[in-house]
Amino acid sequence: MKSTRVIHFFAMLVFVLVYQPTFVSGDAMFFDADGNAIDKAQYEAKASHRDKILSMKLEHGYTIGSNVWKDPIKLRKTRIEQWRIMRSQYNPDSLPSKIEKASIDKKQL
């Protein structure tokens, strides 16, 4: 019985050491947007800067000239139209039979 407890204790200790290194050592790793490791002071500075930008965006909204955030519906319609143009340039004989049948059925509608 005593040896079983010792074995369980060592198994738990190994588990903690292997799977929870930050718990054991007390250190935490911080990363920037590019995935590079940075120290805690740099991380906190970047996080506070990001919080300021986000709170300003949430308070005032996005500007019309902001090209970073695009309307997903318009973007989807643009991609569908680009796909139709690209698809129309293919030779129907080179397409798989399932696509040929679907495109013929849609053209008849």
N, C-alpha and C. Protein backbone atom coordinates (compact mmCIF):
# COMPACT_ATOMS: atom_id res chain seq x y z
N MET A 1 0.82 -1.19 0.00
CA MET A 1 0.00 0.00 0.00
C MET A 1 0.86 1.25 0.00
N LYS A 2 1.95 1.20 0.80
CA LYS A 2 2.84 2.35 0.89
C LYS A 2 3.58 2.58 -0.42
N SER A 3 3.99 1.51 -1.09
CA SER A 3 4.69 1.66 -2.36
C SER A 3 3.76 2.20 -3.45
N THR A 4 2.48 1.88 -3.37
CA THR A 4 1.52 2.40 -4.34
C THR A 4 1.37 3.92 -4.22
N ARG A 5 1.36 4.41 -3.00
CA ARG A 5 1.27 5.86 -2.79
C ARG A 5 2.51 6.57 -3.31
N VAL A 6 3.65 5.97 -3.09
CA VAL A 6 4.90 6.56 -3.57
C VAL A 6 4.90 6.60 -5.09
N ILE A 7 4.46 5.53 -5.70
CA ILE A 7 4.40 5.47 -7.17
C ILE A 7 3.42 6.52 -7.69
N HIS A 8 2.27 6.65 -7.07
CA HIS A 8 1.30 7.67 -7.48
C HIS A 8 1.85 9.07 -7.29
N PHE A 9 2.56 9.30 -6.20
CA PHE A 9 3.16 10.61 -5.96
C PHE A 9 4.17 10.96 -7.04
N PHE A 10 5.05 10.03 -7.36
CA PHE A 10 6.05 10.29 -8.39
C PHE A 10 5.41 10.44 -9.78
N ALA A 11 4.38 9.68 -10.04
CA ALA A 11 3.69 9.81 -11.32
C ALA A 11 3.05 11.19 -11.44
N MET A 12 2.43 11.67 -10.37
CA MET A 12 1.82 13.00 -10.37
C MET A 12 2.88 14.08 -10.50
N LEU A 13 4.00 13.90 -9.82
CA LEU A 13 5.09 14.86 -9.89
C LEU A 13 5.65 14.94 -11.31
N VAL A 14 5.85 13.81 -11.95
CA VAL A 14 6.34 13.78 -13.33
C VAL A 14 5.32 14.45 -14.26
N PHE A 15 4.05 14.17 -14.05
CA PHE A 15 3.00 14.79 -14.86
C PHE A 15 3.05 16.31 -14.73
N VAL A 16 3.16 16.80 -13.52
CA VAL A 16 3.20 18.25 -13.30
C VAL A 16 4.45 18.85 -13.92
N LEU A 17 5.58 18.21 -13.78
CA LEU A 17 6.81 18.74 -14.34
C LEU A 17 6.81 18.75 -15.86
N VAL A 18 6.22 17.73 -16.47
CA VAL A 18 6.24 17.61 -17.92
C VAL A 18 5.16 18.47 -18.58
N TYR A 19 3.96 18.41 -18.04
CA TYR A 19 2.84 19.05 -18.73
C TYR A 19 2.49 20.45 -18.23
N GLN A 20 3.04 20.86 -17.12
CA GLN A 20 2.73 22.19 -16.59
C GLN A 20 4.02 22.93 -16.23
N PRO A 21 4.89 23.24 -17.18
CA PRO A 21 6.15 23.90 -16.83
C PRO A 21 5.96 25.31 -16.28
N THR A 22 4.95 26.03 -16.74
CA THR A 22 4.74 27.38 -16.22
C THR A 22 4.23 27.32 -14.79
N PHE A 23 3.48 26.30 -14.47
CA PHE A 23 2.98 26.14 -13.10
C PHE A 23 4.14 25.88 -12.14
N VAL A 24 5.10 25.08 -12.56
CA VAL A 24 6.22 24.71 -11.69
C VAL A 24 7.23 25.85 -11.61
N SER A 25 7.58 26.42 -12.74
CA SER A 25 8.64 27.43 -12.74
C SER A 25 8.12 28.83 -12.43
N GLY A 26 6.86 29.10 -12.71
CA GLY A 26 6.31 30.42 -12.46
C GLY A 26 6.57 31.40 -13.59
N ASP A 27 7.25 30.98 -14.65
CA ASP A 27 7.54 31.84 -15.78
C ASP A 27 6.44 31.70 -16.82
N ALA A 28 6.19 32.79 -17.53
CA ALA A 28 5.23 32.76 -18.62
C ALA A 28 5.92 33.35 -19.84
N MET A 29 5.61 32.80 -20.99
CA MET A 29 6.17 33.30 -22.24
C MET A 29 5.18 34.28 -22.86
N PHE A 30 5.68 35.36 -23.42
CA PHE A 30 4.85 36.35 -24.08
C PHE A 30 5.29 36.45 -25.53
N PHE A 31 4.33 36.59 -26.45
CA PHE A 31 4.62 36.64 -27.87
C PHE A 31 3.95 37.85 -28.49
N ASP A 32 4.59 38.39 -29.54
CA ASP A 32 3.98 39.50 -30.28
C ASP A 32 3.14 38.93 -31.42
N ALA A 33 2.61 39.82 -32.27
CA ALA A 33 1.72 39.40 -33.34
C ALA A 33 2.42 38.53 -34.37
N ASP A 34 3.74 38.66 -34.49
CA ASP A 34 4.50 37.87 -35.46
C ASP A 34 4.94 36.53 -34.90
N GLY A 35 4.65 36.26 -33.63
CA GLY A 35 5.03 35.01 -33.01
C GLY A 35 6.41 35.02 -32.38
N ASN A 36 7.02 36.20 -32.27
CA ASN A 36 8.33 36.30 -31.65
C ASN A 36 8.18 36.43 -30.14
N ALA A 37 9.07 35.81 -29.40
CA ALA A 37 9.03 35.90 -27.94
C ALA A 37 9.52 37.28 -27.50
N ILE A 38 8.75 37.91 -26.62
CA ILE A 38 9.11 39.23 -26.08
C ILE A 38 9.01 39.17 -24.57
N ASP A 39 9.58 40.17 -23.90
CA ASP A 39 9.49 40.17 -22.44
C ASP A 39 8.16 40.76 -21.99
N LYS A 40 7.91 40.69 -20.69
CA LYS A 40 6.61 41.06 -20.14
C LYS A 40 6.32 42.55 -20.31
N ALA A 41 7.32 43.41 -20.17
CA ALA A 41 7.12 44.85 -20.30
C ALA A 41 6.69 45.22 -21.72
N GLN A 42 7.35 44.63 -22.72
CA GLN A 42 6.97 44.90 -24.11
C GLN A 42 5.56 44.39 -24.39
N TYR A 43 5.24 43.23 -23.86
CA TYR A 43 3.91 42.67 -24.07
C TYR A 43 2.84 43.57 -23.47
N GLU A 44 3.06 44.04 -22.25
CA GLU A 44 2.07 44.91 -21.61
C GLU A 44 1.92 46.23 -22.36
N ALA A 45 3.03 46.77 -22.89
CA ALA A 45 2.95 48.01 -23.67
C ALA A 45 2.14 47.80 -24.94
N LYS A 46 2.40 46.69 -25.65
CA LYS A 46 1.66 46.40 -26.87
C LYS A 46 0.19 46.11 -26.58
N ALA A 47 -0.08 45.43 -25.48
CA ALA A 47 -1.46 45.12 -25.12
C ALA A 47 -2.23 46.39 -24.77
N SER A 48 -1.61 47.31 -24.04
CA SER A 48 -2.30 48.56 -23.70
C SER A 48 -2.53 49.41 -24.95
N HIS A 49 -1.56 49.41 -25.87
CA HIS A 49 -1.73 50.15 -27.13
C HIS A 49 -2.88 49.55 -27.95
N ARG A 50 -2.94 48.23 -28.00
CA ARG A 50 -4.01 47.55 -28.73
C ARG A 50 -5.37 47.82 -28.08
N ASP A 51 -5.41 47.85 -26.75
CA ASP A 51 -6.66 48.16 -26.05
C ASP A 51 -7.15 49.56 -26.36
N LYS A 52 -6.22 50.52 -26.44
CA LYS A 52 -6.61 51.90 -26.78
C LYS A 52 -7.21 51.98 -28.18
N ILE A 53 -6.58 51.31 -29.12
CA ILE A 53 -7.07 51.33 -30.50
C ILE A 53 -8.44 50.66 -30.58
N LEU A 54 -8.60 49.52 -29.93
CA LEU A 54 -9.88 48.82 -29.98
C LEU A 54 -10.99 49.62 -29.30
N SER A 55 -10.69 50.24 -28.17
CA SER A 55 -11.73 51.02 -27.49
C SER A 55 -12.12 52.23 -28.33
N MET A 56 -11.16 52.83 -29.04
CA MET A 56 -11.49 53.96 -29.91
C MET A 56 -12.35 53.50 -31.09
N LYS A 57 -12.01 52.34 -31.66
CA LYS A 57 -12.80 51.81 -32.77
C LYS A 57 -14.21 51.47 -32.31
N LEU A 58 -14.32 50.88 -31.13
CA LEU A 58 -15.65 50.53 -30.63
C LEU A 58 -16.46 51.77 -30.27
N GLU A 59 -15.79 52.81 -29.84
CA GLU A 59 -16.49 54.03 -29.47
C GLU A 59 -16.93 54.84 -30.69
N HIS A 60 -16.06 54.98 -31.67
CA HIS A 60 -16.35 55.83 -32.83
C HIS A 60 -16.72 55.05 -34.08
N GLY A 61 -16.46 53.78 -34.12
CA GLY A 61 -16.75 52.97 -35.29
C GLY A 61 -15.64 53.06 -36.33
N TYR A 62 -15.78 52.29 -37.38
CA TYR A 62 -14.79 52.28 -38.45
C TYR A 62 -15.10 53.39 -39.44
N THR A 63 -14.07 53.99 -39.98
CA THR A 63 -14.26 55.06 -40.95
C THR A 63 -14.59 54.49 -42.32
N ILE A 64 -15.15 55.33 -43.18
CA ILE A 64 -15.52 54.89 -44.53
C ILE A 64 -14.26 54.55 -45.33
N GLY A 65 -13.20 55.29 -45.13
CA GLY A 65 -11.98 55.07 -45.88
C GLY A 65 -11.15 53.91 -45.38
N SER A 66 -11.60 53.22 -44.38
CA SER A 66 -10.83 52.10 -43.84
C SER A 66 -10.90 50.93 -44.81
N ASN A 67 -9.77 50.61 -45.41
CA ASN A 67 -9.75 49.50 -46.36
C ASN A 67 -9.30 48.21 -45.71
N VAL A 68 -9.05 48.23 -44.41
CA VAL A 68 -8.63 47.02 -43.73
C VAL A 68 -9.82 46.10 -43.51
N TRP A 69 -10.94 46.66 -43.12
CA TRP A 69 -12.14 45.88 -42.85
C TRP A 69 -13.06 45.97 -44.04
N LYS A 70 -13.20 44.89 -44.77
CA LYS A 70 -14.05 44.87 -45.95
C LYS A 70 -15.36 44.17 -45.62
N ASP A 71 -16.39 44.55 -46.36
CA ASP A 71 -17.70 43.94 -46.18
C ASP A 71 -17.63 42.50 -46.67
N PRO A 72 -17.87 41.51 -45.82
CA PRO A 72 -17.73 40.11 -46.25
C PRO A 72 -18.74 39.70 -47.32
N ILE A 73 -19.92 40.32 -47.34
CA ILE A 73 -20.91 39.95 -48.35
C ILE A 73 -20.47 40.45 -49.72
N LYS A 74 -19.99 41.70 -49.79
CA LYS A 74 -19.49 42.23 -51.06
C LYS A 74 -18.27 41.44 -51.53
N LEU A 75 -17.40 41.10 -50.59
CA LEU A 75 -16.22 40.33 -50.95
C LEU A 75 -16.61 38.96 -51.48
N ARG A 76 -17.60 38.33 -50.86
CA ARG A 76 -18.07 37.02 -51.32
C ARG A 76 -18.66 37.12 -52.71
N LYS A 77 -19.47 38.16 -52.96
CA LYS A 77 -20.06 38.33 -54.30
C LYS A 77 -18.98 38.57 -55.34
N THR A 78 -17.95 39.32 -54.97
CA THR A 78 -16.84 39.55 -55.90
C THR A 78 -16.13 38.25 -56.22
N ARG A 79 -15.89 37.43 -55.21
CA ARG A 79 -15.23 36.13 -55.42
C ARG A 79 -16.09 35.21 -56.28
N ILE A 80 -17.39 35.22 -56.07
CA ILE A 80 -18.28 34.38 -56.89
C ILE A 80 -18.23 34.83 -58.34
N GLU A 81 -18.24 36.14 -58.56
CA GLU A 81 -18.18 36.65 -59.93
C GLU A 81 -16.84 36.31 -60.58
N GLN A 82 -15.75 36.43 -59.82
CA GLN A 82 -14.44 36.05 -60.36
C GLN A 82 -14.41 34.57 -60.70
N TRP A 83 -15.03 33.75 -59.88
CA TRP A 83 -15.06 32.31 -60.14
C TRP A 83 -15.85 32.02 -61.40
N ARG A 84 -16.98 32.71 -61.60
CA ARG A 84 -17.79 32.50 -62.82
C ARG A 84 -17.01 32.88 -64.07
N ILE A 85 -16.30 33.99 -64.03
CA ILE A 85 -15.50 34.43 -65.18
C ILE A 85 -14.41 33.41 -65.47
N MET A 86 -13.72 32.98 -64.41
CA MET A 86 -12.65 32.00 -64.59
C MET A 86 -13.21 30.68 -65.12
N ARG A 87 -14.33 30.28 -64.61
CA ARG A 87 -14.96 29.02 -65.00
C ARG A 87 -15.44 29.05 -66.45
N SER A 88 -15.89 30.21 -66.91
CA SER A 88 -16.37 30.31 -68.29
C SER A 88 -15.24 30.17 -69.31
N GLN A 89 -14.01 30.36 -68.90
CA GLN A 89 -12.87 30.25 -69.80
C GLN A 89 -12.39 28.82 -69.98
N TYR A 90 -12.87 27.90 -69.14
CA TYR A 90 -12.45 26.51 -69.25
C TYR A 90 -13.20 25.80 -70.38
N ASN A 91 -12.53 24.84 -70.95
CA ASN A 91 -13.15 23.98 -71.95
C ASN A 91 -14.03 22.98 -71.22
N PRO A 92 -15.33 22.86 -71.57
CA PRO A 92 -16.21 21.92 -70.85
C PRO A 92 -15.75 20.47 -70.93
N ASP A 93 -15.00 20.12 -71.96
CA ASP A 93 -14.52 18.74 -72.08
C ASP A 93 -13.45 18.41 -71.04
N SER A 94 -12.80 19.43 -70.51
CA SER A 94 -11.74 19.18 -69.54
C SER A 94 -12.26 19.11 -68.11
N LEU A 95 -13.53 19.44 -67.90
CA LEU A 95 -14.09 19.45 -66.55
C LEU A 95 -14.63 18.08 -66.17
N PRO A 96 -14.66 17.75 -64.87
CA PRO A 96 -15.24 16.48 -64.44
C PRO A 96 -16.73 16.41 -64.78
N SER A 97 -17.24 15.22 -64.89
CA SER A 97 -18.62 15.02 -65.35
C SER A 97 -19.64 15.63 -64.39
N LYS A 98 -19.40 15.61 -63.09
CA LYS A 98 -20.34 16.19 -62.15
C LYS A 98 -20.49 17.69 -62.36
N ILE A 99 -19.39 18.36 -62.61
CA ILE A 99 -19.44 19.81 -62.83
C ILE A 99 -20.12 20.11 -64.17
N GLU A 100 -19.83 19.30 -65.18
CA GLU A 100 -20.46 19.51 -66.50
C GLU A 100 -21.97 19.40 -66.39
N LYS A 101 -22.46 18.38 -65.70
CA LYS A 101 -23.90 18.20 -65.58
C LYS A 101 -24.53 19.35 -64.81
N ALA A 102 -23.86 19.80 -63.75
CA ALA A 102 -24.40 20.89 -62.95
C ALA A 102 -24.44 22.18 -63.75
N SER A 103 -23.39 22.44 -64.54
CA SER A 103 -23.37 23.68 -65.31
C SER A 103 -24.37 23.63 -66.46
N ILE A 104 -24.59 22.47 -67.04
CA ILE A 104 -25.59 22.35 -68.11
C ILE A 104 -26.99 22.56 -67.54
N ASP A 105 -27.26 21.99 -66.36
CA ASP A 105 -28.57 22.15 -65.73
C ASP A 105 -28.83 23.62 -65.39
N LYS A 106 -27.82 24.33 -64.93
CA LYS A 106 -28.01 25.74 -64.58
C LYS A 106 -28.22 26.60 -65.82
N LYS A 107 -27.55 26.25 -66.91
CA LYS A 107 -27.71 27.02 -68.15
C LYS A 107 -29.11 26.85 -68.72
N GLN A 108 -29.70 25.69 -68.52
CA GLN A 108 -31.05 25.44 -69.05
C GLN A 108 -32.09 26.20 -68.24
N LEU A 109 -31.80 26.53 -66.98
CA LEU A 109 -32.75 27.28 -66.16
C LEU A 109 -32.75 28.69 -66.58
